[in-house]
N, C-alpha and C. Protein backbone atom coordinates (compact mmCIF):
# COMPACT_ATOMS: atom_id res chain seq x y z
N GLN A 1 37.24 46.52 77.38
CA GLN A 1 36.25 46.44 76.93
C GLN A 1 34.98 47.08 77.48
N THR A 2 34.23 47.75 76.86
CA THR A 2 32.92 48.79 77.27
C THR A 2 31.57 48.03 76.91
N GLY A 3 31.55 47.18 75.92
CA GLY A 3 30.47 46.56 75.21
C GLY A 3 29.49 47.17 74.74
N LEU A 4 30.36 48.26 74.31
CA LEU A 4 29.50 49.41 73.19
C LEU A 4 29.54 49.43 71.83
N LYS A 5 30.68 48.63 71.46
CA LYS A 5 31.15 48.51 70.01
C LYS A 5 30.06 48.45 68.95
N ASN A 6 29.07 47.43 69.30
CA ASN A 6 28.26 47.09 68.15
C ASN A 6 27.16 48.24 68.19
N TRP A 7 26.94 48.83 69.75
CA TRP A 7 26.12 49.91 69.41
C TRP A 7 26.69 51.37 68.79
N GLY A 8 27.61 51.31 69.07
CA GLY A 8 29.06 52.18 68.14
C GLY A 8 28.66 52.44 66.68
N ASN A 9 28.74 51.09 66.19
CA ASN A 9 28.82 50.45 64.73
C ASN A 9 27.50 50.54 64.23
N ARG A 10 26.20 50.52 65.13
CA ARG A 10 25.03 50.69 64.20
C ARG A 10 24.83 52.28 64.26
N ASN A 11 25.47 53.08 65.33
CA ASN A 11 25.22 54.25 65.22
C ASN A 11 25.79 54.88 64.15
N LEU A 12 26.84 54.49 63.68
CA LEU A 12 27.97 55.05 62.67
C LEU A 12 27.34 54.95 61.17
N LEU A 13 26.44 53.78 61.19
CA LEU A 13 26.03 53.87 59.83
C LEU A 13 24.35 54.22 59.99
N ASP A 14 24.07 54.80 61.00
CA ASP A 14 22.52 55.28 61.11
C ASP A 14 22.43 56.93 60.68
N ILE A 15 22.58 57.01 59.50
CA ILE A 15 22.79 58.31 58.67
C ILE A 15 21.44 59.03 58.92
N GLN A 16 21.48 60.43 59.41
CA GLN A 16 20.22 61.26 59.52
C GLN A 16 20.51 62.56 58.56
N THR A 17 19.16 62.88 57.75
CA THR A 17 19.24 64.32 57.12
C THR A 17 18.36 64.99 58.07
N VAL A 18 19.09 66.42 58.04
CA VAL A 18 18.41 67.49 58.81
C VAL A 18 18.22 68.73 58.03
N GLU A 19 17.24 69.15 57.69
CA GLU A 19 16.84 70.31 56.64
C GLU A 19 16.76 71.43 57.65
N ASN A 20 17.58 72.52 57.34
CA ASN A 20 17.51 73.84 57.78
C ASN A 20 17.00 75.19 56.83
N GLU A 21 15.86 76.04 57.13
CA GLU A 21 15.65 77.05 56.30
C GLU A 21 16.73 78.33 56.74
N VAL A 22 17.13 78.73 55.88
CA VAL A 22 18.00 79.95 55.73
C VAL A 22 17.32 81.32 54.99
N PHE A 23 17.25 82.33 55.90
CA PHE A 23 16.87 83.66 55.14
C PHE A 23 18.24 84.72 54.89
N ILE A 24 18.26 84.78 53.44
CA ILE A 24 19.25 85.92 53.21
C ILE A 24 18.55 86.97 53.00
N GLU A 25 18.85 88.22 53.42
CA GLU A 25 18.55 89.27 53.20
C GLU A 25 18.26 89.63 51.45
N ASN A 26 19.46 89.98 51.00
CA ASN A 26 19.50 90.17 49.70
C ASN A 26 19.15 89.38 48.61
N LEU A 27 19.05 88.06 49.01
CA LEU A 27 19.05 86.84 47.77
C LEU A 27 18.16 87.41 46.68
N PRO A 28 18.82 86.88 45.60
CA PRO A 28 18.45 87.25 44.17
C PRO A 28 17.07 86.29 44.31
N ALA A 29 15.81 86.72 43.58
CA ALA A 29 14.62 86.18 43.15
C ALA A 29 14.72 84.97 42.96
N ALA A 30 15.70 84.67 41.59
CA ALA A 30 15.78 83.00 41.29
C ALA A 30 16.25 82.08 42.44
N PHE A 31 16.76 82.47 43.36
CA PHE A 31 17.21 81.80 44.49
C PHE A 31 16.38 81.32 45.39
N ASP A 32 15.11 82.03 45.31
CA ASP A 32 14.28 81.46 46.36
C ASP A 32 13.82 80.24 46.62
N GLY A 33 13.91 79.58 47.53
CA GLY A 33 13.65 78.07 47.29
C GLY A 33 14.98 77.34 46.94
N TYR A 34 15.94 77.75 46.77
CA TYR A 34 17.14 77.16 46.50
C TYR A 34 17.75 76.13 47.64
N ARG A 35 18.17 75.04 47.13
CA ARG A 35 18.13 74.02 48.04
C ARG A 35 19.56 73.56 48.12
N ILE A 36 20.67 73.22 48.87
CA ILE A 36 21.96 73.34 49.24
C ILE A 36 21.82 72.21 49.71
N LEU A 37 22.45 70.79 49.25
CA LEU A 37 22.91 69.47 50.21
C LEU A 37 24.30 69.60 50.40
N GLN A 38 24.78 69.50 51.88
CA GLN A 38 25.90 69.77 52.47
C GLN A 38 26.28 68.20 52.77
N LEU A 39 27.31 67.75 52.63
CA LEU A 39 27.91 66.62 53.14
C LEU A 39 29.15 67.12 53.64
N SER A 40 29.48 66.51 55.04
CA SER A 40 30.71 66.86 55.86
C SER A 40 31.43 65.99 56.34
N ASP A 41 32.52 65.51 56.55
CA ASP A 41 33.19 64.58 57.87
C ASP A 41 32.74 63.13 57.47
N LEU A 42 32.95 62.59 56.39
CA LEU A 42 32.22 61.59 55.75
C LEU A 42 33.36 60.31 56.28
N HIS A 43 34.47 60.29 56.47
CA HIS A 43 35.74 59.60 56.96
C HIS A 43 35.17 58.29 56.25
N LEU A 44 35.28 58.16 54.84
CA LEU A 44 34.35 56.83 54.61
C LEU A 44 35.20 55.79 54.57
N ASP A 45 36.64 56.22 54.84
CA ASP A 45 37.66 55.04 55.02
C ASP A 45 37.55 54.17 56.53
N ILE A 46 36.45 54.86 57.10
CA ILE A 46 36.61 54.12 58.43
C ILE A 46 35.74 52.67 58.39
N ASP A 47 34.58 52.76 57.41
CA ASP A 47 33.89 51.27 57.29
C ASP A 47 33.61 51.43 56.03
N THR A 48 33.50 50.34 55.12
CA THR A 48 33.33 50.48 53.93
C THR A 48 31.83 50.47 53.50
N ASN A 49 31.23 49.97 54.61
CA ASN A 49 29.92 50.23 54.40
C ASN A 49 29.21 51.71 54.70
N LEU A 50 30.26 52.58 54.97
CA LEU A 50 29.27 54.11 55.24
C LEU A 50 29.03 54.47 53.82
N LYS A 51 29.78 54.29 52.64
CA LYS A 51 29.18 54.98 51.39
C LYS A 51 27.81 54.58 51.05
N TYR A 52 27.65 53.42 51.44
CA TYR A 52 26.44 52.72 51.35
C TYR A 52 24.95 53.28 52.36
N ALA A 53 25.58 53.52 53.50
CA ALA A 53 24.47 54.41 54.75
C ALA A 53 24.21 55.51 53.83
N VAL A 54 25.35 56.28 53.62
CA VAL A 54 25.04 57.64 53.50
C VAL A 54 24.29 58.20 51.73
N THR A 55 24.89 56.98 50.79
CA THR A 55 24.03 56.63 49.83
C THR A 55 22.34 56.77 49.74
N GLU A 56 21.80 55.79 51.12
CA GLU A 56 20.73 55.64 51.22
C GLU A 56 20.09 56.93 51.88
N ALA A 57 20.70 57.61 52.73
CA ALA A 57 20.23 58.63 53.28
C ALA A 57 19.95 60.07 52.37
N VAL A 58 20.46 59.98 51.40
CA VAL A 58 20.71 61.00 50.54
C VAL A 58 19.99 61.28 49.07
N LYS A 59 19.88 59.68 48.58
CA LYS A 59 19.36 59.28 47.67
C LYS A 59 18.03 59.97 47.04
N ASN A 60 17.07 60.40 47.77
CA ASN A 60 15.75 60.84 47.57
C ASN A 60 15.55 62.25 48.39
N VAL A 61 16.97 62.78 48.33
CA VAL A 61 16.87 64.01 48.89
C VAL A 61 16.72 65.16 47.66
N GLU A 62 15.93 66.08 47.48
CA GLU A 62 15.55 66.75 46.31
C GLU A 62 16.79 68.15 46.57
N TYR A 63 17.50 68.53 45.82
CA TYR A 63 18.62 69.54 46.09
C TYR A 63 18.79 70.57 44.35
N ASP A 64 19.30 71.46 44.69
CA ASP A 64 19.83 72.23 43.35
C ASP A 64 21.28 72.05 43.21
N LEU A 65 22.29 72.33 44.50
CA LEU A 65 23.73 72.14 44.40
C LEU A 65 24.29 71.33 45.62
N ALA A 66 25.15 70.56 45.75
CA ALA A 66 25.63 69.50 46.24
C ALA A 66 27.03 70.26 46.89
N VAL A 67 27.52 70.12 48.36
CA VAL A 67 28.51 70.47 48.76
C VAL A 67 29.49 69.63 49.49
N ASN A 68 30.72 69.70 49.80
CA ASN A 68 31.02 68.79 50.84
C ASN A 68 32.13 69.70 51.63
N THR A 69 32.32 70.01 52.48
CA THR A 69 33.08 70.49 53.49
C THR A 69 34.08 69.68 54.17
N GLY A 70 34.72 68.62 53.59
CA GLY A 70 35.95 68.56 53.95
C GLY A 70 35.99 67.07 54.70
N ASP A 71 36.71 66.40 54.89
CA ASP A 71 37.41 65.07 55.85
C ASP A 71 36.86 63.91 55.27
N TYR A 72 37.62 63.22 54.34
CA TYR A 72 37.27 62.44 53.39
C TYR A 72 37.82 61.00 53.93
N ARG A 73 38.64 61.38 54.92
CA ARG A 73 39.42 60.19 55.46
C ARG A 73 39.11 60.27 57.29
N ALA A 74 39.82 59.30 57.72
CA ALA A 74 39.68 59.38 59.34
C ALA A 74 40.99 59.76 60.03
N SER A 75 42.07 59.33 59.28
CA SER A 75 43.53 59.75 59.93
C SER A 75 44.13 60.94 59.18
N THR A 76 44.98 61.54 60.01
CA THR A 76 45.55 62.69 59.38
C THR A 76 47.01 62.01 58.96
N GLY A 77 47.09 60.67 59.02
CA GLY A 77 48.68 60.51 58.74
C GLY A 77 48.46 58.98 57.89
N GLY A 78 49.65 58.33 57.50
CA GLY A 78 49.44 57.13 56.58
C GLY A 78 48.81 57.38 55.42
N SER A 79 48.46 56.10 54.92
CA SER A 79 48.10 56.03 53.50
C SER A 79 46.37 56.50 53.50
N TYR A 80 46.41 57.41 52.34
CA TYR A 80 44.92 57.79 52.05
C TYR A 80 44.00 57.05 50.90
N GLN A 81 44.71 56.22 50.15
CA GLN A 81 44.14 55.57 49.12
C GLN A 81 42.70 55.10 49.23
N MET A 82 42.56 54.44 50.49
CA MET A 82 41.25 53.95 50.68
C MET A 82 40.35 54.62 50.87
N ALA A 83 40.64 55.91 51.46
CA ALA A 83 39.88 57.12 51.51
C ALA A 83 39.29 57.88 50.14
N VAL A 84 40.26 57.90 49.00
CA VAL A 84 40.30 58.36 48.10
C VAL A 84 39.31 57.21 47.13
N ASP A 85 39.54 56.27 47.21
CA ASP A 85 38.96 54.93 46.69
C ASP A 85 37.24 55.10 46.75
N GLU A 86 37.24 54.77 48.16
CA GLU A 86 35.74 55.20 48.96
C GLU A 86 35.02 56.23 48.36
N THR A 87 35.78 57.31 48.12
CA THR A 87 34.62 58.70 47.95
C THR A 87 34.45 58.52 46.35
N ILE A 88 35.50 58.19 45.48
CA ILE A 88 35.21 58.04 44.10
C ILE A 88 33.94 56.66 44.07
N ALA A 89 33.94 56.00 44.69
CA ALA A 89 32.84 54.73 44.88
C ALA A 89 31.51 55.38 45.19
N PHE A 90 31.51 56.27 46.06
CA PHE A 90 30.16 57.16 46.58
C PHE A 90 29.89 58.14 45.36
N MET A 91 30.46 58.94 45.21
CA MET A 91 30.23 60.08 44.29
C MET A 91 29.35 59.88 43.16
N PRO A 92 29.20 58.72 42.94
CA PRO A 92 27.98 58.65 41.55
C PRO A 92 26.55 59.26 41.86
N ILE A 93 26.21 58.94 43.15
CA ILE A 93 25.05 59.20 43.86
C ILE A 93 24.68 60.53 43.69
N LEU A 94 25.78 61.74 43.73
CA LEU A 94 25.46 63.04 43.54
C LEU A 94 25.37 63.54 42.02
N LYS A 95 24.27 64.66 41.72
CA LYS A 95 24.54 65.19 40.42
C LYS A 95 25.69 66.42 40.76
N LYS A 96 25.91 66.62 39.37
CA LYS A 96 27.10 67.54 39.48
C LYS A 96 26.55 68.98 39.08
N PRO A 97 27.26 69.95 39.24
CA PRO A 97 28.71 69.86 40.11
C PRO A 97 28.53 69.89 41.73
N VAL A 98 29.64 68.98 42.00
CA VAL A 98 30.04 68.87 43.63
C VAL A 98 30.89 69.88 44.01
N TYR A 99 30.96 70.94 44.46
CA TYR A 99 31.64 71.85 45.06
C TYR A 99 32.25 71.55 46.45
N CYS A 100 33.59 71.44 46.45
CA CYS A 100 34.31 70.76 47.56
C CYS A 100 35.33 71.77 48.68
N VAL A 101 35.60 71.60 49.70
CA VAL A 101 36.51 72.06 50.23
C VAL A 101 37.61 70.62 51.03
N LEU A 102 38.97 71.11 51.27
CA LEU A 102 39.57 70.08 52.02
C LEU A 102 39.47 70.18 53.52
N GLY A 103 39.44 69.29 54.41
CA GLY A 103 39.33 69.12 55.77
C GLY A 103 40.91 68.99 56.31
N ASN A 104 40.94 69.10 57.69
CA ASN A 104 42.34 68.88 58.02
C ASN A 104 42.58 67.58 58.06
N HIS A 105 41.86 66.62 58.04
CA HIS A 105 42.46 65.25 57.74
C HIS A 105 42.93 64.91 56.02
N ASP A 106 42.93 66.04 55.21
CA ASP A 106 42.82 65.72 53.89
C ASP A 106 44.26 66.34 53.33
N PHE A 107 44.75 65.71 52.39
CA PHE A 107 46.18 66.56 51.79
C PHE A 107 45.96 67.02 50.40
N ILE A 108 46.53 67.81 49.70
CA ILE A 108 46.17 68.48 48.50
C ILE A 108 46.20 67.08 47.57
N GLU A 109 47.12 66.32 47.70
CA GLU A 109 47.01 65.26 46.83
C GLU A 109 45.58 64.48 46.37
N PHE A 110 44.84 64.74 47.14
CA PHE A 110 43.39 64.22 47.03
C PHE A 110 42.73 64.94 45.82
N VAL A 111 43.03 66.39 45.65
CA VAL A 111 42.41 66.89 44.67
C VAL A 111 42.38 66.31 43.33
N LYS A 112 43.34 66.07 42.80
CA LYS A 112 43.49 65.42 41.34
C LYS A 112 42.56 64.28 40.97
N PRO A 113 42.94 63.31 42.01
CA PRO A 113 42.18 62.04 41.64
C PRO A 113 40.60 62.22 42.01
N LEU A 114 40.35 63.02 42.83
CA LEU A 114 38.79 63.16 43.17
C LEU A 114 38.30 63.95 42.12
N GLU A 115 39.08 64.98 41.67
CA GLU A 115 38.27 66.14 40.51
C GLU A 115 38.51 64.97 39.19
N ASP A 116 39.42 64.38 38.91
CA ASP A 116 39.53 63.81 37.68
C ASP A 116 38.70 62.33 37.60
N GLU A 117 38.35 61.56 38.85
CA GLU A 117 37.85 60.38 38.67
C GLU A 117 36.36 60.47 39.19
N ALA A 118 36.07 61.31 39.92
CA ALA A 118 35.00 61.42 40.93
C ALA A 118 33.95 62.79 40.70
N GLY A 119 34.58 63.50 39.83
CA GLY A 119 33.92 64.76 39.23
C GLY A 119 33.85 65.80 40.03
N MET A 120 34.41 66.09 41.40
CA MET A 120 34.17 66.71 42.18
C MET A 120 34.94 68.12 41.94
N THR A 121 34.47 69.15 42.13
CA THR A 121 35.57 70.64 41.91
C THR A 121 35.57 71.21 43.63
N PHE A 122 37.04 71.44 43.59
CA PHE A 122 37.46 72.02 44.66
C PHE A 122 37.71 73.39 45.03
N LEU A 123 37.44 73.84 45.79
CA LEU A 123 37.44 75.27 45.88
C LEU A 123 38.61 75.60 47.07
N ILE A 124 39.83 75.96 46.43
CA ILE A 124 40.78 76.24 47.65
C ILE A 124 41.29 77.61 47.40
N ASN A 125 40.90 78.24 48.19
CA ASN A 125 40.87 79.89 48.50
C ASN A 125 40.63 80.51 46.95
N GLU A 126 39.14 80.15 46.76
CA GLU A 126 38.49 80.50 45.52
C GLU A 126 37.06 80.67 45.48
N SER A 127 36.57 81.38 44.60
CA SER A 127 35.19 81.50 44.56
C SER A 127 34.76 81.37 42.85
N VAL A 128 33.52 80.85 42.81
CA VAL A 128 32.77 80.76 41.48
C VAL A 128 31.49 81.35 41.70
N PRO A 129 30.74 81.88 40.25
CA PRO A 129 29.24 82.49 40.46
C PRO A 129 28.67 81.13 40.28
N ILE A 130 27.35 81.27 40.83
CA ILE A 130 26.38 80.33 40.75
C ILE A 130 25.29 81.04 40.27
N GLU A 131 24.98 80.73 38.91
CA GLU A 131 24.00 81.14 38.19
C GLU A 131 22.45 80.49 38.09
N LYS A 132 21.38 81.31 38.30
CA LYS A 132 20.46 80.52 37.99
C LYS A 132 19.16 81.62 37.41
N ASP A 133 18.89 81.51 36.09
CA ASP A 133 17.67 82.31 35.47
C ASP A 133 17.92 83.95 35.32
N GLY A 134 19.58 83.77 35.34
CA GLY A 134 20.23 85.11 35.01
C GLY A 134 20.61 86.08 36.26
N GLU A 135 20.31 85.41 37.11
CA GLU A 135 21.08 85.64 38.38
C GLU A 135 21.97 85.15 39.30
N VAL A 136 22.67 85.43 39.88
CA VAL A 136 23.88 85.12 40.52
C VAL A 136 24.00 85.44 41.71
N ILE A 137 24.80 84.29 42.41
CA ILE A 137 25.25 84.28 43.93
C ILE A 137 26.39 83.97 43.96
N TRP A 138 27.28 84.18 44.99
CA TRP A 138 29.03 83.87 44.81
C TRP A 138 29.07 82.59 45.98
N LEU A 139 29.57 81.30 45.47
CA LEU A 139 30.12 80.25 46.35
C LEU A 139 31.72 80.34 46.61
N THR A 140 32.22 80.45 47.87
CA THR A 140 33.25 80.53 47.90
C THR A 140 34.02 79.38 48.90
N GLY A 141 35.47 78.69 48.85
CA GLY A 141 36.00 77.49 49.39
C GLY A 141 37.09 77.97 50.08
N VAL A 142 37.33 78.29 51.30
CA VAL A 142 38.73 78.25 51.65
C VAL A 142 39.36 77.20 52.47
N ASP A 143 40.59 76.92 52.26
CA ASP A 143 41.40 75.87 52.78
C ASP A 143 41.11 76.01 54.31
N ASP A 144 41.39 74.49 55.04
CA ASP A 144 41.25 74.38 56.48
C ASP A 144 42.14 75.36 57.20
N PRO A 145 41.09 75.90 58.13
CA PRO A 145 41.54 76.89 59.07
C PRO A 145 41.94 76.30 60.33
N HIS A 146 41.79 75.11 60.32
CA HIS A 146 42.45 74.38 61.68
C HIS A 146 43.47 73.71 61.84
N LEU A 147 43.85 73.03 61.11
CA LEU A 147 45.27 72.30 61.41
C LEU A 147 46.08 72.59 60.53
N TYR A 148 45.81 73.17 59.21
CA TYR A 148 46.74 73.67 58.39
C TYR A 148 46.99 75.07 58.40
N GLN A 149 45.79 76.07 58.90
CA GLN A 149 45.62 77.08 58.83
C GLN A 149 45.96 77.94 57.52
N LEU A 150 45.64 77.54 56.46
CA LEU A 150 45.87 78.14 55.25
C LEU A 150 44.66 78.94 54.89
N ASP A 151 43.72 78.87 55.45
CA ASP A 151 42.45 79.62 54.66
C ASP A 151 42.99 81.25 54.23
N ASP A 152 42.72 81.46 53.28
CA ASP A 152 42.99 82.81 52.36
C ASP A 152 41.66 83.70 52.03
N PHE A 153 41.28 84.23 53.16
CA PHE A 153 39.88 85.40 52.50
C PHE A 153 40.08 86.34 51.45
N GLN A 154 41.38 86.96 51.78
CA GLN A 154 41.80 87.99 50.94
C GLN A 154 41.90 87.33 49.35
N GLY A 155 42.44 86.49 49.07
CA GLY A 155 42.63 85.73 47.76
C GLY A 155 41.21 85.20 47.48
N ALA A 156 40.79 84.75 48.36
CA ALA A 156 39.29 84.01 47.79
C ALA A 156 38.38 85.07 47.65
N TYR A 157 38.26 86.01 47.72
CA TYR A 157 37.49 86.87 47.57
C TYR A 157 37.97 88.16 46.69
N ALA A 158 38.96 88.09 46.20
CA ALA A 158 39.49 89.08 45.29
C ALA A 158 38.83 89.81 44.23
N ASN A 159 38.01 88.64 43.61
CA ASN A 159 37.10 88.97 42.30
C ASN A 159 35.51 88.84 42.61
N VAL A 160 35.21 88.59 43.81
CA VAL A 160 34.06 88.96 44.11
C VAL A 160 33.29 90.09 44.38
N PRO A 161 32.36 90.41 43.88
CA PRO A 161 31.71 91.84 44.06
C PRO A 161 31.14 92.23 45.49
N LYS A 162 31.42 93.01 45.82
CA LYS A 162 31.39 93.59 47.12
C LYS A 162 29.79 93.17 48.07
N ASP A 163 28.87 93.73 46.97
CA ASP A 163 27.42 93.57 47.32
C ASP A 163 27.08 92.14 47.09
N ALA A 164 27.71 91.31 46.31
CA ALA A 164 27.23 90.11 46.02
C ALA A 164 26.55 89.20 47.31
N VAL A 165 25.65 88.25 47.01
CA VAL A 165 25.39 87.44 48.34
C VAL A 165 26.21 86.12 48.22
N LYS A 166 26.88 86.17 49.16
CA LYS A 166 28.11 85.18 49.43
C LYS A 166 27.80 84.09 50.41
N ILE A 167 28.22 82.65 49.71
CA ILE A 167 28.26 81.54 50.39
C ILE A 167 29.43 81.18 50.95
N LEU A 168 29.70 80.72 51.90
CA LEU A 168 31.11 80.05 52.21
C LEU A 168 31.12 78.81 52.66
N LEU A 169 31.93 78.11 52.11
CA LEU A 169 32.37 76.79 52.77
C LEU A 169 33.71 76.60 53.53
N SER A 170 33.78 76.15 54.60
CA SER A 170 35.01 76.22 55.61
C SER A 170 35.16 74.70 56.15
N HIS A 171 36.00 73.90 56.07
CA HIS A 171 35.62 72.94 57.08
C HIS A 171 35.57 73.07 58.37
N ALA A 172 36.25 73.80 59.12
CA ALA A 172 35.99 74.25 60.27
C ALA A 172 35.30 75.42 60.57
N PRO A 173 34.54 75.58 61.53
CA PRO A 173 33.85 77.07 61.84
C PRO A 173 34.29 78.01 62.32
N GLU A 174 35.88 77.70 63.06
CA GLU A 174 36.62 79.05 63.46
C GLU A 174 37.00 80.16 63.00
N ASN A 175 36.89 80.22 61.93
CA ASN A 175 37.15 81.50 61.22
C ASN A 175 36.11 82.56 60.97
N TYR A 176 35.11 82.21 61.81
CA TYR A 176 33.79 82.93 61.27
C TYR A 176 33.96 84.57 61.56
N LYS A 177 35.11 84.83 62.18
CA LYS A 177 35.16 86.19 62.13
C LYS A 177 35.94 86.89 61.03
N SER A 178 36.41 86.21 60.27
CA SER A 178 36.94 86.50 59.09
C SER A 178 35.86 86.37 57.82
N ALA A 179 35.14 85.39 58.44
CA ALA A 179 33.76 85.52 57.38
C ALA A 179 33.18 86.90 57.51
N ALA A 180 32.64 87.29 59.00
CA ALA A 180 32.08 88.52 58.88
C ALA A 180 32.54 89.49 58.28
N GLU A 181 34.31 89.54 58.44
CA GLU A 181 35.00 90.95 57.89
C GLU A 181 34.89 90.89 56.45
N TYR A 182 34.27 89.86 55.65
CA TYR A 182 33.87 89.82 54.22
C TYR A 182 32.81 89.62 53.89
N ASP A 183 31.61 89.97 55.04
CA ASP A 183 30.44 90.01 54.92
C ASP A 183 29.73 88.91 54.11
N VAL A 184 30.01 87.78 54.41
CA VAL A 184 29.56 86.39 53.93
C VAL A 184 28.00 86.57 54.54
N ASP A 185 27.07 85.88 53.70
CA ASP A 185 25.91 85.99 53.99
C ASP A 185 25.45 84.40 54.76
N PHE A 186 26.13 83.55 54.31
CA PHE A 186 25.86 81.88 54.83
C PHE A 186 26.91 81.20 55.03
N MET A 187 27.50 80.69 55.93
CA MET A 187 28.58 79.76 56.35
C MET A 187 28.28 78.59 56.16
N LEU A 188 28.91 77.38 55.55
CA LEU A 188 28.58 76.07 55.75
C LEU A 188 29.99 75.44 56.33
N ALA A 189 29.77 74.72 57.47
CA ALA A 189 31.23 74.18 58.05
C ALA A 189 30.92 72.65 58.48
N GLY A 190 31.67 72.24 59.00
CA GLY A 190 31.60 70.81 59.67
C GLY A 190 32.79 70.66 60.74
N HIS A 191 33.54 69.61 60.83
CA HIS A 191 34.73 69.36 61.97
C HIS A 191 34.16 69.17 63.02
N THR A 192 32.93 69.78 63.58
CA THR A 192 32.70 69.38 64.99
C THR A 192 32.14 68.44 65.17
N HIS A 193 31.29 67.87 64.36
CA HIS A 193 30.69 66.42 64.39
C HIS A 193 29.59 66.28 65.35
N GLY A 194 29.16 67.33 65.82
CA GLY A 194 28.02 67.96 67.08
C GLY A 194 28.32 67.03 68.28
N GLY A 195 29.40 67.06 68.74
CA GLY A 195 29.76 66.14 69.78
C GLY A 195 30.66 65.13 69.29
N ARG A 196 31.62 64.65 70.04
CA ARG A 196 32.56 63.57 69.63
C ARG A 196 31.83 62.06 70.09
N PHE A 197 31.95 62.38 71.49
CA PHE A 197 31.51 60.67 72.06
C PHE A 197 30.43 60.98 72.89
N VAL A 198 29.15 60.70 73.07
CA VAL A 198 28.01 60.79 73.75
C VAL A 198 27.46 59.31 74.49
N CYS A 199 27.53 59.49 75.81
CA CYS A 199 26.91 58.45 76.22
C CYS A 199 25.70 58.26 76.30
N PRO A 200 24.92 57.07 76.63
CA PRO A 200 23.32 56.95 76.00
C PRO A 200 22.67 57.76 77.22
N ALA A 201 23.12 58.14 78.12
CA ALA A 201 22.13 59.29 79.10
C ALA A 201 22.58 60.62 78.49
N GLY A 202 23.38 61.02 77.37
CA GLY A 202 23.44 62.09 76.84
C GLY A 202 24.65 62.77 77.17
N PHE A 203 25.39 62.83 78.14
CA PHE A 203 26.53 63.12 78.52
C PHE A 203 27.70 63.10 77.60
N GLN A 204 28.28 64.38 77.05
CA GLN A 204 29.47 64.44 76.23
C GLN A 204 30.75 64.41 76.54
N PHE A 205 31.63 63.58 76.62
CA PHE A 205 32.92 63.32 76.81
C PHE A 205 33.99 64.76 76.42
N TRP A 206 33.64 64.90 75.26
CA TRP A 206 34.23 65.67 74.18
C TRP A 206 33.19 66.70 73.24
N PHE A 207 33.46 67.73 73.35
CA PHE A 207 32.76 68.82 72.48
C PHE A 207 33.34 69.92 72.29
N THR A 208 32.64 70.66 71.10
CA THR A 208 33.46 72.06 70.61
C THR A 208 32.40 73.17 71.04
N VAL A 209 32.70 74.12 71.43
CA VAL A 209 32.04 75.39 71.70
C VAL A 209 32.38 76.46 70.89
N ILE A 210 31.49 76.96 70.13
CA ILE A 210 31.78 78.49 69.28
C ILE A 210 31.62 79.44 69.97
N SER A 211 32.08 80.38 70.37
CA SER A 211 31.40 81.58 71.35
C SER A 211 31.85 82.86 70.53
N HIS A 212 31.12 83.61 71.10
CA HIS A 212 31.04 84.78 70.22
C HIS A 212 31.64 86.13 71.49
N GLU A 213 32.67 86.86 71.07
CA GLU A 213 33.05 87.67 71.95
C GLU A 213 32.54 89.38 71.52
N GLU A 214 31.99 90.07 72.67
CA GLU A 214 31.86 91.33 72.52
C GLU A 214 32.65 92.04 72.43
């Protein structure tokens, strides 16, 4: 016993929002100021109160498009019904469409119930045009590059104009080199959790480093 369980539970439900401004060189004028709400790694089956905490955090956020970059459940094995049910219960707070990808904890069996009952739209190695005032950017989702290693950039970008502005959804960020090869303008990923376990003094027991090789 560490005596930190209650502290950990409190932190689990203390959901924070972070706003980042991104500059894209060839962004169509209609998308200037366009706001994307990214959710990721919600693992809603950890605690049934999580969906309420996330709802409270995002209910007053103004955005044009919502995306979810995967990991709807906490485990990579066993029953996933609770994660599906909790996600369905949470989704009404978000305005549609909500574009999503699967994470390394997620099965393909998630897609049908979450699309049919929660109104989510999954991009599994595919792209869709996002239109505003007659102008277009392209949103692409690739499958999990981490555990399943099923990300297919060639298939995902087969029908995307080469000079288009491209935004990529990927659960894990480790395929950033492939994203660069396809001239992705902006990549949204999750998976790293910003450090897995942090002591009160700030020391991280487990963290992920993404490096750039010259």
